[in-house]
């Protein structure tokens, strides 16, 4: 599977004595937000209990859960059993989805991105769309000689963690120089940042000749073109539900380990 698969985990503080007058408060990852909203609506219709979930990024969600300012938090970077025990928290898998490479290149409907091209885009070594590292996999596609803008998350994000984890797996240089993080000072001078996945989607839509990592749902909902991406076997995989399901089937989530998985 080429796309970076991400397991969004809801970290939850146990609650008791809820009634229709109560409001369950949550915050955190923007990645599962659209799914949460559907569940929240259905839950309210069934029970009369309101749930208020604010998308503000995984880092802030985890912070809110630890401080008990919310009842639950969504995070795309799972917490280790040690961290959970220290803070009196529990976690379980809530949503499975995928990170894709969205792009905005006028007149170009399909683009293939190799693993090396994705790393080059992220580290700033690619300056123009017709650079050899991109063009060699796109024979017959008229790529413009336009400067490339890389769009990333500006806030602490599990999406960023998963994307940089992927970069660390496919590039030793990236792993040694940057590693996997929820936020970082991106290299180069070709990048711009947006808060939450919705912010990244907005920047991709309004910025010509841009490319960036974004969850499939936000890309799809905003009609953002998504690249076909190279997998470990050298094959190019189209971002589809079937592709994501195939990747998700390989995820290792053990309840005895608090569903902790830092390589899903």
C-alpha atoms as a PDB file:
ATOM      1  CA  UNK A   1       0.000   0.000   0.000  1.00  0.00           C
ATOM      2  CA  UNK A   2       1.480   3.337  -1.006  1.00  0.00           C
ATOM      3  CA  UNK A   3      -0.569   5.860   0.855  1.00  0.00           C
ATOM      4  CA  UNK A   4       0.369   6.449   4.453  1.00  0.00           C
ATOM      5  CA  UNK A   5      -2.224   4.611   6.482  1.00  0.00           C
ATOM      6  CA  UNK A   6      -3.184   6.217   9.722  1.00  0.00           C
ATOM      7  CA  UNK A   7      -5.054   4.787  12.678  1.00  0.00           C
ATOM      8  CA  UNK A   8      -6.899   7.532  14.542  1.00  0.00           C
ATOM      9  CA  UNK A   9      -7.263   6.587  18.193  1.00  0.00           C
ATOM     10  CA  UNK A  10      -9.764   8.131  20.585  1.00  0.00           C
ATOM     11  CA  UNK A  11      -8.155   8.540  23.979  1.00  0.00           C
ATOM     12  CA  UNK A  12     -10.941   8.463  26.538  1.00  0.00           C
ATOM     13  CA  UNK A  13     -11.419   9.261  30.205  1.00  0.00           C
ATOM     14  CA  UNK A  14     -14.053   7.064  31.816  1.00  0.00           C
ATOM     15  CA  UNK A  15     -17.348   8.762  32.601  1.00  0.00           C
ATOM     16  CA  UNK A  16     -20.336   7.802  34.748  1.00  0.00           C
ATOM     17  CA  UNK A  17     -23.808   9.068  35.635  1.00  0.00           C
ATOM     18  CA  UNK A  18     -24.533  10.698  32.298  1.00  0.00           C
ATOM     19  CA  UNK A  19     -28.020  11.998  31.607  1.00  0.00           C
ATOM     20  CA  UNK A  20     -29.703  14.077  28.923  1.00  0.00           C
ATOM     21  CA  UNK A  21     -28.671  17.326  30.609  1.00  0.00           C
ATOM     22  CA  UNK A  22     -24.982  16.480  30.391  1.00  0.00           C
ATOM     23  CA  UNK A  23     -22.638  17.515  27.605  1.00  0.00           C
ATOM     24  CA  UNK A  24     -19.749  15.222  26.748  1.00  0.00           C
ATOM     25  CA  UNK A  25     -16.777  17.351  25.745  1.00  0.00           C
ATOM     26  CA  UNK A  26     -14.042  16.264  23.385  1.00  0.00           C
ATOM     27  CA  UNK A  27     -11.214  17.792  21.387  1.00  0.00           C
ATOM     28  CA  UNK A  28      -8.248  16.863  19.259  1.00  0.00           C
ATOM     29  CA  UNK A  29      -7.527  15.440  15.827  1.00  0.00           C
ATOM     30  CA  UNK A  30      -9.217  16.967  12.800  1.00  0.00           C
ATOM     31  CA  UNK A  31      -8.658  13.767  10.808  1.00  0.00           C
ATOM     32  CA  UNK A  32     -11.705  11.882  12.225  1.00  0.00           C
ATOM     33  CA  UNK A  33     -13.841  15.020  12.638  1.00  0.00           C
ATOM     34  CA  UNK A  34     -16.348  14.322   9.846  1.00  0.00           C
ATOM     35  CA  UNK A  35     -17.007  10.804  11.138  1.00  0.00           C
ATOM     36  CA  UNK A  36     -17.307  12.003  14.728  1.00  0.00           C
ATOM     37  CA  UNK A  37     -19.927  14.550  13.685  1.00  0.00           C
ATOM     38  CA  UNK A  38     -22.138  11.856  12.186  1.00  0.00           C
ATOM     39  CA  UNK A  39     -21.773   9.705  15.284  1.00  0.00           C
ATOM     40  CA  UNK A  40     -22.475  12.671  17.552  1.00  0.00           C
ATOM     41  CA  UNK A  41     -25.705  13.463  15.718  1.00  0.00           C
ATOM     42  CA  UNK A  42     -26.892   9.850  15.838  1.00  0.00           C
ATOM     43  CA  UNK A  43     -25.966   9.518  19.525  1.00  0.00           C
ATOM     44  CA  UNK A  44     -27.883  12.663  20.429  1.00  0.00           C
ATOM     45  CA  UNK A  45     -30.958  11.481  18.549  1.00  0.00           C
ATOM     46  CA  UNK A  46     -30.829   8.149  20.362  1.00  0.00           C
ATOM     47  CA  UNK A  47     -30.014   9.331  23.903  1.00  0.00           C
ATOM     48  CA  UNK A  48     -30.659  13.069  24.097  1.00  0.00           C
ATOM     49  CA  UNK A  49     -27.097  13.532  25.357  1.00  0.00           C
ATOM     50  CA  UNK A  50     -25.050  16.198  23.590  1.00  0.00           C
ATOM     51  CA  UNK A  51     -21.454  15.717  22.534  1.00  0.00           C
ATOM     52  CA  UNK A  52     -19.249  18.698  21.689  1.00  0.00           C
ATOM     53  CA  UNK A  53     -16.049  17.850  19.803  1.00  0.00           C
ATOM     54  CA  UNK A  54     -13.652  20.623  18.798  1.00  0.00           C
ATOM     55  CA  UNK A  55     -11.022  19.898  16.147  1.00  0.00           C
ATOM     56  CA  UNK A  56      -7.793  21.548  17.245  1.00  0.00           C
ATOM     57  CA  UNK A  57      -5.097  18.973  16.449  1.00  0.00           C
ATOM     58  CA  UNK A  58      -3.882  15.826  18.203  1.00  0.00           C
ATOM     59  CA  UNK A  59      -1.338  17.624  20.401  1.00  0.00           C
ATOM     60  CA  UNK A  60      -3.907  19.949  21.952  1.00  0.00           C
ATOM     61  CA  UNK A  61      -6.415  17.131  22.298  1.00  0.00           C
ATOM     62  CA  UNK A  62      -3.957  15.009  24.271  1.00  0.00           C
ATOM     63  CA  UNK A  63      -3.116  18.010  26.441  1.00  0.00           C
ATOM     64  CA  UNK A  64      -6.831  18.576  27.139  1.00  0.00           C
ATOM     65  CA  UNK A  65      -7.342  14.917  28.062  1.00  0.00           C
ATOM     66  CA  UNK A  66      -4.390  14.931  30.454  1.00  0.00           C
ATOM     67  CA  UNK A  67      -5.659  18.081  32.168  1.00  0.00           C
ATOM     68  CA  UNK A  68      -9.223  16.688  32.325  1.00  0.00           C
ATOM     69  CA  UNK A  69     -10.645  19.713  30.531  1.00  0.00           C
ATOM     70  CA  UNK A  70     -12.417  17.284  28.173  1.00  0.00           C
ATOM     71  CA  UNK A  71     -13.970  13.851  28.581  1.00  0.00           C
ATOM     72  CA  UNK A  72     -12.234  12.373  25.556  1.00  0.00           C
ATOM     73  CA  UNK A  73      -9.706  13.287  22.911  1.00  0.00           C
ATOM     74  CA  UNK A  74      -9.039  12.156  19.355  1.00  0.00           C
ATOM     75  CA  UNK A  75      -5.414  11.594  18.379  1.00  0.00           C
ATOM     76  CA  UNK A  76      -3.800  10.115  15.293  1.00  0.00           C
ATOM     77  CA  UNK A  77      -0.637   9.358  17.267  1.00  0.00           C
ATOM     78  CA  UNK A  78      -1.436   6.646  19.813  1.00  0.00           C
ATOM     79  CA  UNK A  79      -0.275   7.031  23.395  1.00  0.00           C
ATOM     80  CA  UNK A  80       2.040   4.413  24.841  1.00  0.00           C
ATOM     81  CA  UNK A  81       0.786   2.164  27.662  1.00  0.00           C
ATOM     82  CA  UNK A  82       3.225   3.949  30.002  1.00  0.00           C
ATOM     83  CA  UNK A  83       1.784   7.382  29.170  1.00  0.00           C
ATOM     84  CA  UNK A  84      -1.777   6.115  29.497  1.00  0.00           C
ATOM     85  CA  UNK A  85      -1.107   4.647  32.948  1.00  0.00           C
ATOM     86  CA  UNK A  86       0.689   7.770  34.140  1.00  0.00           C
ATOM     87  CA  UNK A  87      -2.252   9.986  33.179  1.00  0.00           C
ATOM     88  CA  UNK A  88      -5.092   7.599  34.043  1.00  0.00           C
ATOM     89  CA  UNK A  89      -6.319   7.358  30.449  1.00  0.00           C
ATOM     90  CA  UNK A  90      -7.610   4.613  28.170  1.00  0.00           C
ATOM     91  CA  UNK A  91      -7.590   4.404  24.393  1.00  0.00           C
ATOM     92  CA  UNK A  92      -9.223   2.407  21.635  1.00  0.00           C
ATOM     93  CA  UNK A  93      -9.250   2.517  17.808  1.00  0.00           C
ATOM     94  CA  UNK A  94     -12.049   4.708  16.496  1.00  0.00           C
ATOM     95  CA  UNK A  95     -11.435   5.531  12.830  1.00  0.00           C
ATOM     96  CA  UNK A  96      -9.261   4.085  10.085  1.00  0.00           C
ATOM     97  CA  UNK A  97      -8.355   6.321   7.174  1.00  0.00           C
ATOM     98  CA  UNK A  98      -5.543   7.318   4.860  1.00  0.00           C
ATOM     99  CA  UNK A  99      -3.231  10.214   4.154  1.00  0.00           C
ATOM    100  CA  UNK A 100      -2.912  11.145   0.505  1.00  0.00           C
ATOM    101  CA  UNK A 101      -0.811  13.581  -1.515  1.00  0.00           C
ATOM    102  CA  UNK A 102      -3.182  16.272  -2.726  1.00  0.00           C
ATOM    103  CA  UNK A 103      -2.090  18.694  -5.450  1.00  0.00           C
ATOM    104  CA  UNK A 104      -3.199  21.735  -7.440  1.00  0.00           C
ATOM    105  CA  UNK A 105      -1.548  21.878 -10.842  1.00  0.00           C
ATOM    106  CA  UNK A 106      -3.803  23.531 -13.463  1.00  0.00           C
ATOM    107  CA  UNK A 107      -4.270  21.387 -16.536  1.00  0.00           C
ATOM    108  CA  UNK A 108      -2.784  18.255 -14.965  1.00  0.00           C
ATOM    109  CA  UNK A 109      -5.350  15.603 -14.058  1.00  0.00           C
ATOM    110  CA  UNK A 110      -3.067  12.730 -13.071  1.00  0.00           C
ATOM    111  CA  UNK A 111       0.324  12.689 -11.390  1.00  0.00           C
ATOM    112  CA  UNK A 112       2.489   9.826 -10.180  1.00  0.00           C
ATOM    113  CA  UNK A 113       4.736  10.469  -7.190  1.00  0.00           C
ATOM    114  CA  UNK A 114       7.546   8.074  -6.372  1.00  0.00           C
ATOM    115  CA  UNK A 115       8.745   7.634  -2.805  1.00  0.00           C
ATOM    116  CA  UNK A 116      11.891   9.614  -3.613  1.00  0.00           C
ATOM    117  CA  UNK A 117       9.778  12.412  -5.125  1.00  0.00           C
ATOM    118  CA  UNK A 118       7.651  12.687  -1.967  1.00  0.00           C
ATOM    119  CA  UNK A 119      10.773  12.955   0.196  1.00  0.00           C
ATOM    120  CA  UNK A 120      12.261  15.536  -2.193  1.00  0.00           C
ATOM    121  CA  UNK A 121       9.051  17.574  -2.021  1.00  0.00           C
ATOM    122  CA  UNK A 122       9.066  17.498   1.779  1.00  0.00           C
ATOM    123  CA  UNK A 123      12.763  18.354   2.225  1.00  0.00           C
ATOM    124  CA  UNK A 124      12.747  21.153  -0.343  1.00  0.00           C
ATOM    125  CA  UNK A 125      15.229  19.638  -2.797  1.00  0.00           C
ATOM    126  CA  UNK A 126      12.601  19.837  -5.565  1.00  0.00           C
ATOM    127  CA  UNK A 127      11.957  23.405  -6.693  1.00  0.00           C
ATOM    128  CA  UNK A 128       9.909  23.040  -9.889  1.00  0.00           C
ATOM    129  CA  UNK A 129       7.164  20.710 -11.033  1.00  0.00           C
ATOM    130  CA  UNK A 130       9.116  19.595 -14.112  1.00  0.00           C
ATOM    131  CA  UNK A 131      12.087  18.491 -11.983  1.00  0.00           C
ATOM    132  CA  UNK A 132      13.505  15.148 -13.140  1.00  0.00           C
ATOM    133  CA  UNK A 133      12.554  13.318  -9.935  1.00  0.00           C
ATOM    134  CA  UNK A 134       8.879  14.016 -10.698  1.00  0.00           C
ATOM    135  CA  UNK A 135       8.963  14.079 -14.516  1.00  0.00           C
ATOM    136  CA  UNK A 136      10.653  10.689 -14.972  1.00  0.00           C
ATOM    137  CA  UNK A 137       7.585   8.872 -13.619  1.00  0.00           C
ATOM    138  CA  UNK A 138       5.141  11.011 -15.597  1.00  0.00           C
ATOM    139  CA  UNK A 139       5.976  10.397 -19.254  1.00  0.00           C
ATOM    140  CA  UNK A 140       3.377  12.029 -21.464  1.00  0.00           C
ATOM    141  CA  UNK A 141       2.259  14.464 -18.767  1.00  0.00           C
ATOM    142  CA  UNK A 142       3.057  18.100 -19.541  1.00  0.00           C
ATOM    143  CA  UNK A 143       4.396  19.304 -16.217  1.00  0.00           C
ATOM    144  CA  UNK A 144       4.859  23.091 -16.004  1.00  0.00           C
ATOM    145  CA  UNK A 145       8.107  24.842 -15.153  1.00  0.00           C
ATOM    146  CA  UNK A 146       6.468  26.451 -12.137  1.00  0.00           C
ATOM    147  CA  UNK A 147       7.742  26.673  -8.584  1.00  0.00           C
ATOM    148  CA  UNK A 148       6.302  24.023  -6.305  1.00  0.00           C
ATOM    149  CA  UNK A 149       4.698  25.003  -2.985  1.00  0.00           C
ATOM    150  CA  UNK A 150       4.551  22.354  -0.263  1.00  0.00           C
ATOM    151  CA  UNK A 151       1.538  22.599   2.063  1.00  0.00           C
ATOM    152  CA  UNK A 152       1.790  21.132   5.564  1.00  0.00           C
ATOM    153  CA  UNK A 153       0.088  21.321   8.943  1.00  0.00           C
ATOM    154  CA  UNK A 154       1.018  24.366  11.013  1.00  0.00           C
ATOM    155  CA  UNK A 155      -0.306  22.940  14.287  1.00  0.00           C
ATOM    156  CA  UNK A 156       0.764  19.916  16.326  1.00  0.00           C
ATOM    157  CA  UNK A 157      -0.791  17.104  14.331  1.00  0.00           C
ATOM    158  CA  UNK A 158      -1.065  13.338  14.297  1.00  0.00           C
ATOM    159  CA  UNK A 159      -1.368  13.652  10.524  1.00  0.00           C
ATOM    160  CA  UNK A 160       2.095  15.215  10.479  1.00  0.00           C
ATOM    161  CA  UNK A 161       3.392  12.476  12.783  1.00  0.00           C
ATOM    162  CA  UNK A 162       2.122   9.757  10.460  1.00  0.00           C
ATOM    163  CA  UNK A 163       3.413  11.506   7.348  1.00  0.00           C
ATOM    164  CA  UNK A 164       6.881  12.096   8.827  1.00  0.00           C
ATOM    165  CA  UNK A 165       6.893   8.526  10.132  1.00  0.00           C
ATOM    166  CA  UNK A 166       6.348   7.402   6.542  1.00  0.00           C
ATOM    167  CA  UNK A 167       9.175   9.670   5.362  1.00  0.00           C
ATOM    168  CA  UNK A 168      11.429   8.165   8.038  1.00  0.00           C
ATOM    169  CA  UNK A 169      10.628   4.660   6.804  1.00  0.00           C
ATOM    170  CA  UNK A 170      11.407   5.396   3.143  1.00  0.00           C
ATOM    171  CA  UNK A 171      14.390   7.725   3.658  1.00  0.00           C
ATOM    172  CA  UNK A 172      17.330   7.201   6.021  1.00  0.00           C
ATOM    173  CA  UNK A 173      18.370  10.818   5.514  1.00  0.00           C
ATOM    174  CA  UNK A 174      14.940  12.047   6.625  1.00  0.00           C
ATOM    175  CA  UNK A 175      14.972   9.705   9.624  1.00  0.00           C
ATOM    176  CA  UNK A 176      18.414  10.871  10.729  1.00  0.00           C
ATOM    177  CA  UNK A 177      17.793  14.576  10.141  1.00  0.00           C
ATOM    178  CA  UNK A 178      14.147  15.032  11.132  1.00  0.00           C
ATOM    179  CA  UNK A 179      12.467  11.827  12.285  1.00  0.00           C
ATOM    180  CA  UNK A 180       8.758  11.357  13.022  1.00  0.00           C
ATOM    181  CA  UNK A 181       7.149  14.293  14.826  1.00  0.00           C
ATOM    182  CA  UNK A 182       3.761  15.923  15.350  1.00  0.00           C
ATOM    183  CA  UNK A 183       5.281  19.282  14.441  1.00  0.00           C
ATOM    184  CA  UNK A 184       8.619  20.436  13.078  1.00  0.00           C
ATOM    185  CA  UNK A 185      10.444  23.258  11.365  1.00  0.00           C
ATOM    186  CA  UNK A 186      10.118  22.152   7.772  1.00  0.00           C
ATOM    187  CA  UNK A 187      13.293  22.448   5.669  1.00  0.00           C
ATOM    188  CA  UNK A 188      13.515  24.734   2.660  1.00  0.00           C
ATOM    189  CA  UNK A 189      11.686  27.946   1.793  1.00  0.00           C
ATOM    190  CA  UNK A 190       8.988  26.451  -0.427  1.00  0.00           C
ATOM    191  CA  UNK A 191       6.357  25.620   2.172  1.00  0.00           C
ATOM    192  CA  UNK A 192       3.261  27.082   3.822  1.00  0.00           C
ATOM    193  CA  UNK A 193       1.245  25.767   6.759  1.00  0.00           C
ATOM    194  CA  UNK A 194      -2.456  25.496   7.555  1.00  0.00           C
ATOM    195  CA  UNK A 195      -4.183  24.668  10.836  1.00  0.00           C
ATOM    196  CA  UNK A 196      -6.138  21.380  10.854  1.00  0.00           C
ATOM    197  CA  UNK A 197      -6.712  19.274   7.755  1.00  0.00           C
ATOM    198  CA  UNK A 198      -9.410  21.731   6.684  1.00  0.00           C
ATOM    199  CA  UNK A 199      -6.789  24.484   6.653  1.00  0.00           C
ATOM    200  CA  UNK A 200      -4.494  22.388   4.484  1.00  0.00           C
ATOM    201  CA  UNK A 201      -7.396  21.688   2.117  1.00  0.00           C
ATOM    202  CA  UNK A 202      -8.147  25.413   1.833  1.00  0.00           C
ATOM    203  CA  UNK A 203      -4.517  26.240   1.038  1.00  0.00           C
ATOM    204  CA  UNK A 204      -4.281  23.507  -1.573  1.00  0.00           C
ATOM    205  CA  UNK A 205      -7.421  24.785  -3.292  1.00  0.00           C
ATOM    206  CA  UNK A 206      -6.336  28.412  -3.380  1.00  0.00           C
ATOM    207  CA  UNK A 207      -2.616  27.927  -4.098  1.00  0.00           C
ATOM    208  CA  UNK A 208      -1.757  27.034  -7.669  1.00  0.00           C
ATOM    209  CA  UNK A 209       1.132  24.596  -8.167  1.00  0.00           C
ATOM    210  CA  UNK A 210       0.893  23.344  -4.591  1.00  0.00           C
ATOM    211  CA  UNK A 211       1.101  19.833  -3.160  1.00  0.00           C
ATOM    212  CA  UNK A 212       0.706  18.532   0.366  1.00  0.00           C
ATOM    213  CA  UNK A 213      -0.270  15.664   2.640  1.00  0.00           C
ATOM    214  CA  UNK A 214      -3.943  15.552   3.571  1.00  0.00           C
ATOM    215  CA  UNK A 215      -6.433  12.959   4.736  1.00  0.00           C
ATOM    216  CA  UNK A 216      -8.501  11.316   2.025  1.00  0.00           C
ATOM    217  CA  UNK A 217     -11.859  12.548   3.369  1.00  0.00           C
ATOM    218  CA  UNK A 218     -10.875  16.237   3.303  1.00  0.00           C
ATOM    219  CA  UNK A 219      -9.304  15.861  -0.139  1.00  0.00           C
ATOM    220  CA  UNK A 220     -12.404  14.121  -1.469  1.00  0.00           C
ATOM    221  CA  UNK A 221     -14.865  16.553   0.123  1.00  0.00           C
ATOM    222  CA  UNK A 222     -12.979  19.512  -1.337  1.00  0.00           C
ATOM    223  CA  UNK A 223     -12.494  18.042  -4.830  1.00  0.00           C
ATOM    224  CA  UNK A 224      -8.727  18.085  -4.450  1.00  0.00           C
ATOM    225  CA  UNK A 225      -6.798  15.956  -6.943  1.00  0.00           C
ATOM    226  CA  UNK A 226      -4.791  13.157  -5.329  1.00  0.00           C
ATOM    227  CA  UNK A 227      -1.588  11.671  -6.676  1.00  0.00           C
ATOM    228  CA  UNK A 228      -1.039   8.007  -7.471  1.00  0.00           C
ATOM    229  CA  UNK A 229       1.804   6.986  -5.195  1.00  0.00           C
ATOM    230  CA  UNK A 230       4.556   4.376  -5.347  1.00  0.00           C
ATOM    231  CA  UNK A 231       4.501   1.555  -2.819  1.00  0.00           C
ATOM    232  CA  UNK A 232       7.322  -0.577  -1.426  1.00  0.00           C
ATOM    233  CA  UNK A 233       7.079  -2.998  -4.346  1.00  0.00           C
ATOM    234  CA  UNK A 234       7.496  -0.185  -6.860  1.00  0.00           C
ATOM    235  CA  UNK A 235       3.868  -0.284  -7.994  1.00  0.00           C
ATOM    236  CA  UNK A 236       1.732   2.848  -8.218  1.00  0.00           C
ATOM    237  CA  UNK A 237      -1.438   2.720  -6.126  1.00  0.00           C
ATOM    238  CA  UNK A 238      -4.516   4.855  -6.759  1.00  0.00           C
ATOM    239  CA  UNK A 239      -6.067   6.278  -3.534  1.00  0.00           C
ATOM    240  CA  UNK A 240      -9.282   4.265  -3.263  1.00  0.00           C
ATOM    241  CA  UNK A 241     -11.326   2.672  -0.499  1.00  0.00           C
ATOM    242  CA  UNK A 242     -10.172  -0.776  -1.626  1.00  0.00           C
ATOM    243  CA  UNK A 243      -6.521   0.279  -1.313  1.00  0.00           C
ATOM    244  CA  UNK A 244      -7.064   1.587   2.198  1.00  0.00           C
ATOM    245  CA  UNK A 245      -8.929  -1.539   3.285  1.00  0.00           C
ATOM    246  CA  UNK A 246      -6.069  -3.711   2.049  1.00  0.00           C
ATOM    247  CA  UNK A 247      -3.586  -1.674   4.064  1.00  0.00           C
ATOM    248  CA  UNK A 248      -5.776  -1.571   7.177  1.00  0.00           C
ATOM    249  CA  UNK A 249      -5.970  -5.368   7.189  1.00  0.00           C
ATOM    250  CA  UNK A 250      -2.257  -5.437   8.014  1.00  0.00           C
ATOM    251  CA  UNK A 251      -2.530  -3.166  11.053  1.00  0.00           C
ATOM    252  CA  UNK A 252      -1.505  -4.718  14.373  1.00  0.00           C
ATOM    253  CA  UNK A 253      -3.764  -3.543  17.211  1.00  0.00           C
ATOM    254  CA  UNK A 254      -3.586  -5.590  20.407  1.00  0.00           C
ATOM    255  CA  UNK A 255      -5.999  -4.709  23.254  1.00  0.00           C
ATOM    256  CA  UNK A 256      -3.519  -6.254  25.705  1.00  0.00           C
ATOM    257  CA  UNK A 257      -1.110  -3.480  24.693  1.00  0.00           C
ATOM    258  CA  UNK A 258      -3.785  -0.768  24.943  1.00  0.00           C
ATOM    259  CA  UNK A 259      -4.087  -0.872  21.131  1.00  0.00           C
ATOM    260  CA  UNK A 260      -0.708   0.827  20.951  1.00  0.00           C
ATOM    261  CA  UNK A 261       0.851   0.742  17.516  1.00  0.00           C
ATOM    262  CA  UNK A 262       3.447   3.275  16.400  1.00  0.00           C
ATOM    263  CA  UNK A 263       3.918   1.757  12.962  1.00  0.00           C
ATOM    264  CA  UNK A 264       0.347   1.211  11.705  1.00  0.00           C
END
